[in-house]
Amino acid sequence: MAEKTVKKNVGRSWKQDPEAVKADILRAARAEIAEHGLSGARVQVIAERIKTSKRMIFYYFGDKEGLYRAVLEAEYASVRKAESELDLDGLEPMAALRKLVEFTFDHHRANPEFIRLVMIENIHNARHLRELQNLATTNSVAIKQLERICEAGKAAGVFRADVSPLVLHWQISAMSFFNVANQMTFATNFGDALFSEAGQAQLREETVGSILSSVRN
């Protein structure tokens, strides 16, 4: 047992598995930046988390801002990948939309670090996002998925003819995001009943119901 623990705590070798090393760095950077922001995050702390060196981090990512951009890119790619794996095409339009809203609500709730990273990037006026050349293609998947759902819903006569996939994406994101981003201030001002398991279950269903009602013909 002791030998396994030691091996687990020893940093990976870039020669053994460079992709795994990069993944380790990104996970550590995600936690550090989400907690302290871009300016407050320390590369030395990131290196110590995974028992590597600052030199190794800079070798892969150039500098701290390059590492931060890589974290952002990986986060958006991860959520888009999970969305694409929902297998919505075989569902009726309302059922497909319900499943997507439930996923988004659950994903954001389970990934507060993702929400904090998005908030941090908004503070930086999305400057780093604009430097990610592939991000527009990555995120267009979300709109295309909603376009397919909306087209099917309109063709079946169950969606309003003027439903906008882009507006719909904004609405789903807004409610799911607020639930996490404003939890502490909302709970401080109004109590934490909505953030209990029962309260979250109610909010989840209210969010789904609100979105479905907004598109229903």
C-alpha atoms as a PDB file:
ATOM      1  CA  MET A   1       0.000   0.000   0.000  1.00  0.00           C
ATOM      2  CA  ALA A   2       2.812   2.424   0.900  1.00  0.00           C
ATOM      3  CA  GLU A   3       4.580   1.805  -2.413  1.00  0.00           C
ATOM      4  CA  LYS A   4       1.412   2.627  -4.383  1.00  0.00           C
ATOM      5  CA  THR A   5       0.955   5.849  -2.444  1.00  0.00           C
ATOM      6  CA  VAL A   6       4.497   6.982  -3.216  1.00  0.00           C
ATOM      7  CA  LYS A   7       4.091   6.258  -6.912  1.00  0.00           C
ATOM      8  CA  LYS A   8       0.856   8.181  -7.003  1.00  0.00           C
ATOM      9  CA  ASN A   9       2.507  11.257  -5.533  1.00  0.00           C
ATOM     10  CA  VAL A  10       5.527  11.273  -7.841  1.00  0.00           C
ATOM     11  CA  GLY A  11       5.186  13.603 -10.817  1.00  0.00           C
ATOM     12  CA  ARG A  12       4.836  12.053 -14.253  1.00  0.00           C
ATOM     13  CA  SER A  13       7.750  12.039 -16.671  1.00  0.00           C
ATOM     14  CA  TRP A  14       7.183  13.935 -19.925  1.00  0.00           C
ATOM     15  CA  LYS A  15       9.185  11.237 -21.661  1.00  0.00           C
ATOM     16  CA  GLN A  16       6.857   8.518 -20.393  1.00  0.00           C
ATOM     17  CA  ASP A  17       3.554  10.185 -21.245  1.00  0.00           C
ATOM     18  CA  PRO A  18       3.660  13.832 -22.367  1.00  0.00           C
ATOM     19  CA  GLU A  19      -0.096  14.055 -22.984  1.00  0.00           C
ATOM     20  CA  ALA A  20      -0.818  12.846 -19.466  1.00  0.00           C
ATOM     21  CA  VAL A  21       1.639  15.408 -18.098  1.00  0.00           C
ATOM     22  CA  LYS A  22      -0.151  18.188 -19.986  1.00  0.00           C
ATOM     23  CA  ALA A  23      -3.512  16.955 -18.687  1.00  0.00           C
ATOM     24  CA  ASP A  24      -2.168  16.974 -15.129  1.00  0.00           C
ATOM     25  CA  ILE A  25      -0.919  20.519 -15.559  1.00  0.00           C
ATOM     26  CA  LEU A  26      -4.258  21.686 -16.946  1.00  0.00           C
ATOM     27  CA  ARG A  27      -6.183  20.141 -14.051  1.00  0.00           C
ATOM     28  CA  ALA A  28      -3.916  21.803 -11.501  1.00  0.00           C
ATOM     29  CA  ALA A  29      -4.060  25.133 -13.334  1.00  0.00           C
ATOM     30  CA  ARG A  30      -7.852  24.936 -13.534  1.00  0.00           C
ATOM     31  CA  ALA A  31      -8.118  24.674  -9.756  1.00  0.00           C
ATOM     32  CA  GLU A  32      -5.512  27.347  -9.024  1.00  0.00           C
ATOM     33  CA  ILE A  33      -6.850  29.918 -11.493  1.00  0.00           C
ATOM     34  CA  ALA A  34     -10.484  29.300 -10.547  1.00  0.00           C
ATOM     35  CA  GLU A  35      -9.611  29.921  -6.909  1.00  0.00           C
ATOM     36  CA  HIS A  36      -7.294  32.915  -7.273  1.00  0.00           C
ATOM     37  CA  GLY A  37      -8.001  34.427 -10.688  1.00  0.00           C
ATOM     38  CA  LEU A  38      -5.461  34.892 -13.451  1.00  0.00           C
ATOM     39  CA  SER A  39      -3.464  37.592 -11.693  1.00  0.00           C
ATOM     40  CA  GLY A  40      -3.494  35.819  -8.337  1.00  0.00           C
ATOM     41  CA  ALA A  41      -2.670  32.325  -9.618  1.00  0.00           C
ATOM     42  CA  ARG A  42       0.922  31.193  -9.132  1.00  0.00           C
ATOM     43  CA  VAL A  43       2.674  28.897 -11.572  1.00  0.00           C
ATOM     44  CA  GLN A  44       4.910  27.659  -8.760  1.00  0.00           C
ATOM     45  CA  VAL A  45       1.845  26.500  -6.827  1.00  0.00           C
ATOM     46  CA  ILE A  46       0.516  24.740  -9.932  1.00  0.00           C
ATOM     47  CA  ALA A  47       3.839  22.971 -10.338  1.00  0.00           C
ATOM     48  CA  GLU A  48       3.877  21.907  -6.688  1.00  0.00           C
ATOM     49  CA  ARG A  49       0.354  20.483  -6.923  1.00  0.00           C
ATOM     50  CA  ILE A  50       1.518  17.848  -9.409  1.00  0.00           C
ATOM     51  CA  LYS A  51       5.182  17.635  -8.391  1.00  0.00           C
ATOM     52  CA  THR A  52       6.603  19.058 -11.601  1.00  0.00           C
ATOM     53  CA  SER A  53       8.591  22.217 -12.361  1.00  0.00           C
ATOM     54  CA  LYS A  54       7.739  25.674 -13.646  1.00  0.00           C
ATOM     55  CA  ARG A  55      10.163  24.950 -16.478  1.00  0.00           C
ATOM     56  CA  MET A  56       8.048  21.983 -17.567  1.00  0.00           C
ATOM     57  CA  ILE A  57       4.876  24.090 -17.528  1.00  0.00           C
ATOM     58  CA  PHE A  58       6.481  26.826 -19.589  1.00  0.00           C
ATOM     59  CA  TYR A  59       7.853  24.199 -21.983  1.00  0.00           C
ATOM     60  CA  TYR A  60       4.322  23.101 -22.840  1.00  0.00           C
ATOM     61  CA  PHE A  61       2.358  26.337 -22.531  1.00  0.00           C
ATOM     62  CA  GLY A  62       4.816  29.215 -22.991  1.00  0.00           C
ATOM     63  CA  ASP A  63       3.778  31.430 -20.080  1.00  0.00           C
ATOM     64  CA  LYS A  64       0.992  31.830 -17.528  1.00  0.00           C
ATOM     65  CA  GLU A  65      -1.384  33.440 -20.005  1.00  0.00           C
ATOM     66  CA  GLY A  66      -0.710  30.642 -22.483  1.00  0.00           C
ATOM     67  CA  LEU A  67      -1.556  28.134 -19.753  1.00  0.00           C
ATOM     68  CA  TYR A  68      -4.726  30.047 -18.902  1.00  0.00           C
ATOM     69  CA  ARG A  69      -5.833  30.055 -22.525  1.00  0.00           C
ATOM     70  CA  ALA A  70      -5.227  26.304 -22.705  1.00  0.00           C
ATOM     71  CA  VAL A  71      -7.368  25.814 -19.612  1.00  0.00           C
ATOM     72  CA  LEU A  72     -10.205  27.852 -21.129  1.00  0.00           C
ATOM     73  CA  GLU A  73     -10.006  25.955 -24.398  1.00  0.00           C
ATOM     74  CA  ALA A  74     -10.056  22.603 -22.604  1.00  0.00           C
ATOM     75  CA  GLU A  75     -13.033  23.625 -20.457  1.00  0.00           C
ATOM     76  CA  TYR A  76     -15.190  24.667 -23.390  1.00  0.00           C
ATOM     77  CA  ALA A  77     -14.159  21.617 -25.398  1.00  0.00           C
ATOM     78  CA  SER A  78     -15.131  19.396 -22.478  1.00  0.00           C
ATOM     79  CA  VAL A  79     -18.654  20.780 -22.105  1.00  0.00           C
ATOM     80  CA  ARG A  80     -19.267  20.749 -25.864  1.00  0.00           C
ATOM     81  CA  LYS A  81     -18.062  17.134 -26.055  1.00  0.00           C
ATOM     82  CA  ALA A  82     -20.426  16.129 -23.257  1.00  0.00           C
ATOM     83  CA  GLU A  83     -23.319  17.873 -25.021  1.00  0.00           C
ATOM     84  CA  SER A  84     -22.570  16.068 -28.275  1.00  0.00           C
ATOM     85  CA  GLU A  85     -22.699  12.730 -26.459  1.00  0.00           C
ATOM     86  CA  LEU A  86     -26.271  13.254 -25.218  1.00  0.00           C
ATOM     87  CA  ASP A  87     -27.660  11.520 -28.340  1.00  0.00           C
ATOM     88  CA  LEU A  88     -30.572  13.930 -28.753  1.00  0.00           C
ATOM     89  CA  ASP A  89     -31.292  13.270 -32.426  1.00  0.00           C
ATOM     90  CA  GLY A  90     -33.448  10.236 -31.680  1.00  0.00           C
ATOM     91  CA  LEU A  91     -35.730  12.101 -29.272  1.00  0.00           C
ATOM     92  CA  GLU A  92     -38.892  14.106 -29.848  1.00  0.00           C
ATOM     93  CA  PRO A  93     -38.083  17.854 -29.918  1.00  0.00           C
ATOM     94  CA  MET A  94     -39.514  18.653 -26.476  1.00  0.00           C
ATOM     95  CA  ALA A  95     -37.808  15.624 -24.929  1.00  0.00           C
ATOM     96  CA  ALA A  96     -34.514  16.564 -26.592  1.00  0.00           C
ATOM     97  CA  LEU A  97     -34.740  20.126 -25.289  1.00  0.00           C
ATOM     98  CA  ARG A  98     -35.618  18.899 -21.800  1.00  0.00           C
ATOM     99  CA  LYS A  99     -32.581  16.616 -21.760  1.00  0.00           C
ATOM    100  CA  LEU A 100     -30.291  19.425 -22.902  1.00  0.00           C
ATOM    101  CA  VAL A 101     -31.570  21.849 -20.267  1.00  0.00           C
ATOM    102  CA  GLU A 102     -31.226  19.214 -17.545  1.00  0.00           C
ATOM    103  CA  PHE A 103     -27.685  18.482 -18.676  1.00  0.00           C
ATOM    104  CA  THR A 104     -26.686  22.153 -18.650  1.00  0.00           C
ATOM    105  CA  PHE A 105     -28.173  22.760 -15.207  1.00  0.00           C
ATOM    106  CA  ASP A 106     -26.464  19.656 -13.800  1.00  0.00           C
ATOM    107  CA  HIS A 107     -23.143  20.320 -15.524  1.00  0.00           C
ATOM    108  CA  HIS A 108     -22.862  23.864 -14.221  1.00  0.00           C
ATOM    109  CA  ARG A 109     -23.850  22.822 -10.724  1.00  0.00           C
ATOM    110  CA  ALA A 110     -21.243  20.034 -10.732  1.00  0.00           C
ATOM    111  CA  ASN A 111     -18.493  22.262 -12.169  1.00  0.00           C
ATOM    112  CA  PRO A 112     -18.275  25.484 -10.164  1.00  0.00           C
ATOM    113  CA  GLU A 113     -14.663  25.922 -11.298  1.00  0.00           C
ATOM    114  CA  PHE A 114     -15.897  26.199 -14.904  1.00  0.00           C
ATOM    115  CA  ILE A 115     -18.320  28.930 -13.843  1.00  0.00           C
ATOM    116  CA  ARG A 116     -15.576  30.797 -12.001  1.00  0.00           C
ATOM    117  CA  LEU A 117     -13.288  30.601 -15.048  1.00  0.00           C
ATOM    118  CA  VAL A 118     -16.013  32.085 -17.252  1.00  0.00           C
ATOM    119  CA  MET A 119     -16.548  34.862 -14.712  1.00  0.00           C
ATOM    120  CA  ILE A 120     -12.804  35.541 -14.627  1.00  0.00           C
ATOM    121  CA  GLU A 121     -12.642  35.762 -18.409  1.00  0.00           C
ATOM    122  CA  ASN A 122     -15.555  38.206 -18.407  1.00  0.00           C
ATOM    123  CA  ILE A 123     -13.517  40.395 -16.062  1.00  0.00           C
ATOM    124  CA  HIS A 124     -10.799  40.316 -18.734  1.00  0.00           C
ATOM    125  CA  ASN A 125     -13.382  41.300 -21.395  1.00  0.00           C
ATOM    126  CA  ALA A 126     -12.974  37.917 -23.147  1.00  0.00           C
ATOM    127  CA  ARG A 127      -9.559  39.021 -24.414  1.00  0.00           C
ATOM    128  CA  HIS A 128      -8.061  35.564 -24.086  1.00  0.00           C
ATOM    129  CA  LEU A 129     -11.051  33.818 -25.645  1.00  0.00           C
ATOM    130  CA  ARG A 130     -10.662  35.971 -28.742  1.00  0.00           C
ATOM    131  CA  GLU A 131      -7.126  34.661 -29.108  1.00  0.00           C
ATOM    132  CA  LEU A 132      -8.328  31.041 -29.316  1.00  0.00           C
ATOM    133  CA  GLN A 133      -8.711  30.405 -33.031  1.00  0.00           C
ATOM    134  CA  ASN A 134     -10.613  27.118 -32.702  1.00  0.00           C
ATOM    135  CA  LEU A 135     -13.045  28.212 -30.020  1.00  0.00           C
ATOM    136  CA  ALA A 136     -15.671  29.608 -32.373  1.00  0.00           C
ATOM    137  CA  THR A 137     -15.842  26.256 -34.143  1.00  0.00           C
ATOM    138  CA  THR A 138     -15.950  24.408 -30.830  1.00  0.00           C
ATOM    139  CA  ASN A 139     -18.822  26.484 -29.460  1.00  0.00           C
ATOM    140  CA  SER A 140     -20.779  26.560 -32.714  1.00  0.00           C
ATOM    141  CA  VAL A 141     -21.645  22.933 -31.992  1.00  0.00           C
ATOM    142  CA  ALA A 142     -23.973  24.076 -29.193  1.00  0.00           C
ATOM    143  CA  ILE A 143     -25.941  26.359 -31.517  1.00  0.00           C
ATOM    144  CA  LYS A 144     -26.090  23.771 -34.304  1.00  0.00           C
ATOM    145  CA  GLN A 145     -27.496  21.238 -31.868  1.00  0.00           C
ATOM    146  CA  LEU A 146     -30.221  23.673 -30.836  1.00  0.00           C
ATOM    147  CA  GLU A 147     -30.869  24.519 -34.478  1.00  0.00           C
ATOM    148  CA  ARG A 148     -31.644  20.864 -35.178  1.00  0.00           C
ATOM    149  CA  ILE A 149     -33.971  20.669 -32.188  1.00  0.00           C
ATOM    150  CA  CYS A 150     -35.749  23.885 -33.184  1.00  0.00           C
ATOM    151  CA  GLU A 151     -36.135  22.830 -36.798  1.00  0.00           C
ATOM    152  CA  ALA A 152     -37.642  19.519 -35.726  1.00  0.00           C
ATOM    153  CA  GLY A 153     -39.908  21.233 -33.225  1.00  0.00           C
ATOM    154  CA  LYS A 154     -41.166  23.762 -35.776  1.00  0.00           C
ATOM    155  CA  ALA A 155     -41.704  21.054 -38.389  1.00  0.00           C
ATOM    156  CA  ALA A 156     -43.750  19.070 -35.879  1.00  0.00           C
ATOM    157  CA  GLY A 157     -45.767  22.144 -34.960  1.00  0.00           C
ATOM    158  CA  VAL A 158     -44.800  22.026 -31.284  1.00  0.00           C
ATOM    159  CA  PHE A 159     -42.319  24.941 -31.300  1.00  0.00           C
ATOM    160  CA  ARG A 160     -43.184  28.558 -32.083  1.00  0.00           C
ATOM    161  CA  ALA A 161     -42.136  29.577 -35.571  1.00  0.00           C
ATOM    162  CA  ASP A 162     -40.000  32.463 -34.272  1.00  0.00           C
ATOM    163  CA  VAL A 163     -37.928  30.496 -31.734  1.00  0.00           C
ATOM    164  CA  SER A 164     -34.268  31.490 -32.015  1.00  0.00           C
ATOM    165  CA  PRO A 165     -31.617  28.837 -31.219  1.00  0.00           C
ATOM    166  CA  LEU A 166     -29.196  31.600 -30.149  1.00  0.00           C
ATOM    167  CA  VAL A 167     -31.710  33.201 -27.771  1.00  0.00           C
ATOM    168  CA  LEU A 168     -32.609  29.764 -26.459  1.00  0.00           C
ATOM    169  CA  HIS A 169     -28.948  29.016 -25.734  1.00  0.00           C
ATOM    170  CA  TRP A 170     -28.673  32.323 -23.879  1.00  0.00           C
ATOM    171  CA  GLN A 171     -31.735  31.542 -21.763  1.00  0.00           C
ATOM    172  CA  ILE A 172     -30.551  28.046 -20.837  1.00  0.00           C
ATOM    173  CA  SER A 173     -27.075  29.311 -20.006  1.00  0.00           C
ATOM    174  CA  ALA A 174     -28.353  32.297 -18.037  1.00  0.00           C
ATOM    175  CA  MET A 175     -30.469  30.336 -15.574  1.00  0.00           C
ATOM    176  CA  SER A 176     -27.993  27.488 -15.145  1.00  0.00           C
ATOM    177  CA  PHE A 177     -25.092  29.930 -14.735  1.00  0.00           C
ATOM    178  CA  PHE A 178     -26.825  32.208 -12.237  1.00  0.00           C
ATOM    179  CA  ASN A 179     -27.634  29.214 -10.040  1.00  0.00           C
ATOM    180  CA  VAL A 180     -23.904  28.699  -9.421  1.00  0.00           C
ATOM    181  CA  ALA A 181     -22.343  32.120  -9.967  1.00  0.00           C
ATOM    182  CA  ASN A 182     -24.651  33.941  -7.548  1.00  0.00           C
ATOM    183  CA  GLN A 183     -25.187  31.206  -4.991  1.00  0.00           C
ATOM    184  CA  MET A 184     -23.242  32.826  -2.158  1.00  0.00           C
ATOM    185  CA  THR A 185     -24.689  36.327  -2.519  1.00  0.00           C
ATOM    186  CA  PHE A 186     -28.232  35.029  -3.086  1.00  0.00           C
ATOM    187  CA  ALA A 187     -28.016  32.702  -0.067  1.00  0.00           C
ATOM    188  CA  THR A 188     -26.596  35.495   2.096  1.00  0.00           C
ATOM    189  CA  ASN A 189     -29.412  37.846   1.133  1.00  0.00           C
ATOM    190  CA  PHE A 190     -32.340  35.424   1.078  1.00  0.00           C
ATOM    191  CA  GLY A 191     -31.295  32.243   2.861  1.00  0.00           C
ATOM    192  CA  ASP A 192     -29.927  28.991   1.470  1.00  0.00           C
ATOM    193  CA  ALA A 193     -33.163  26.996   1.095  1.00  0.00           C
ATOM    194  CA  LEU A 194     -32.874  26.957  -2.701  1.00  0.00           C
ATOM    195  CA  PHE A 195     -29.407  25.411  -2.471  1.00  0.00           C
ATOM    196  CA  SER A 196     -30.437  22.358  -0.494  1.00  0.00           C
ATOM    197  CA  GLU A 197     -30.960  19.144  -2.471  1.00  0.00           C
ATOM    198  CA  ALA A 198     -34.717  19.696  -2.466  1.00  0.00           C
ATOM    199  CA  GLY A 199     -34.304  23.332  -3.457  1.00  0.00           C
ATOM    200  CA  GLN A 200     -31.979  22.460  -6.321  1.00  0.00           C
ATOM    201  CA  ALA A 201     -34.355  19.776  -7.570  1.00  0.00           C
ATOM    202  CA  GLN A 202     -37.149  22.349  -7.602  1.00  0.00           C
ATOM    203  CA  LEU A 203     -35.005  24.945  -9.397  1.00  0.00           C
ATOM    204  CA  ARG A 204     -33.915  22.344 -11.962  1.00  0.00           C
ATOM    205  CA  GLU A 205     -37.516  21.476 -12.795  1.00  0.00           C
ATOM    206  CA  GLU A 206     -38.569  25.140 -12.804  1.00  0.00           C
ATOM    207  CA  THR A 207     -35.736  25.924 -15.217  1.00  0.00           C
ATOM    208  CA  VAL A 208     -36.748  23.094 -17.524  1.00  0.00           C
ATOM    209  CA  GLY A 209     -40.402  24.106 -17.358  1.00  0.00           C
ATOM    210  CA  SER A 210     -39.618  27.743 -18.073  1.00  0.00           C
ATOM    211  CA  ILE A 211     -37.546  26.919 -21.142  1.00  0.00           C
ATOM    212  CA  LEU A 212     -40.061  24.446 -22.535  1.00  0.00           C
ATOM    213  CA  SER A 213     -42.909  26.891 -22.016  1.00  0.00           C
ATOM    214  CA  SER A 214     -40.962  29.633 -23.794  1.00  0.00           C
ATOM    215  CA  VAL A 215     -40.733  27.634 -27.037  1.00  0.00           C
ATOM    216  CA  ARG A 216     -44.111  25.874 -26.986  1.00  0.00           C
ATOM    217  CA  ASN A 217     -46.428  26.732 -29.867  1.00  0.00           C
END
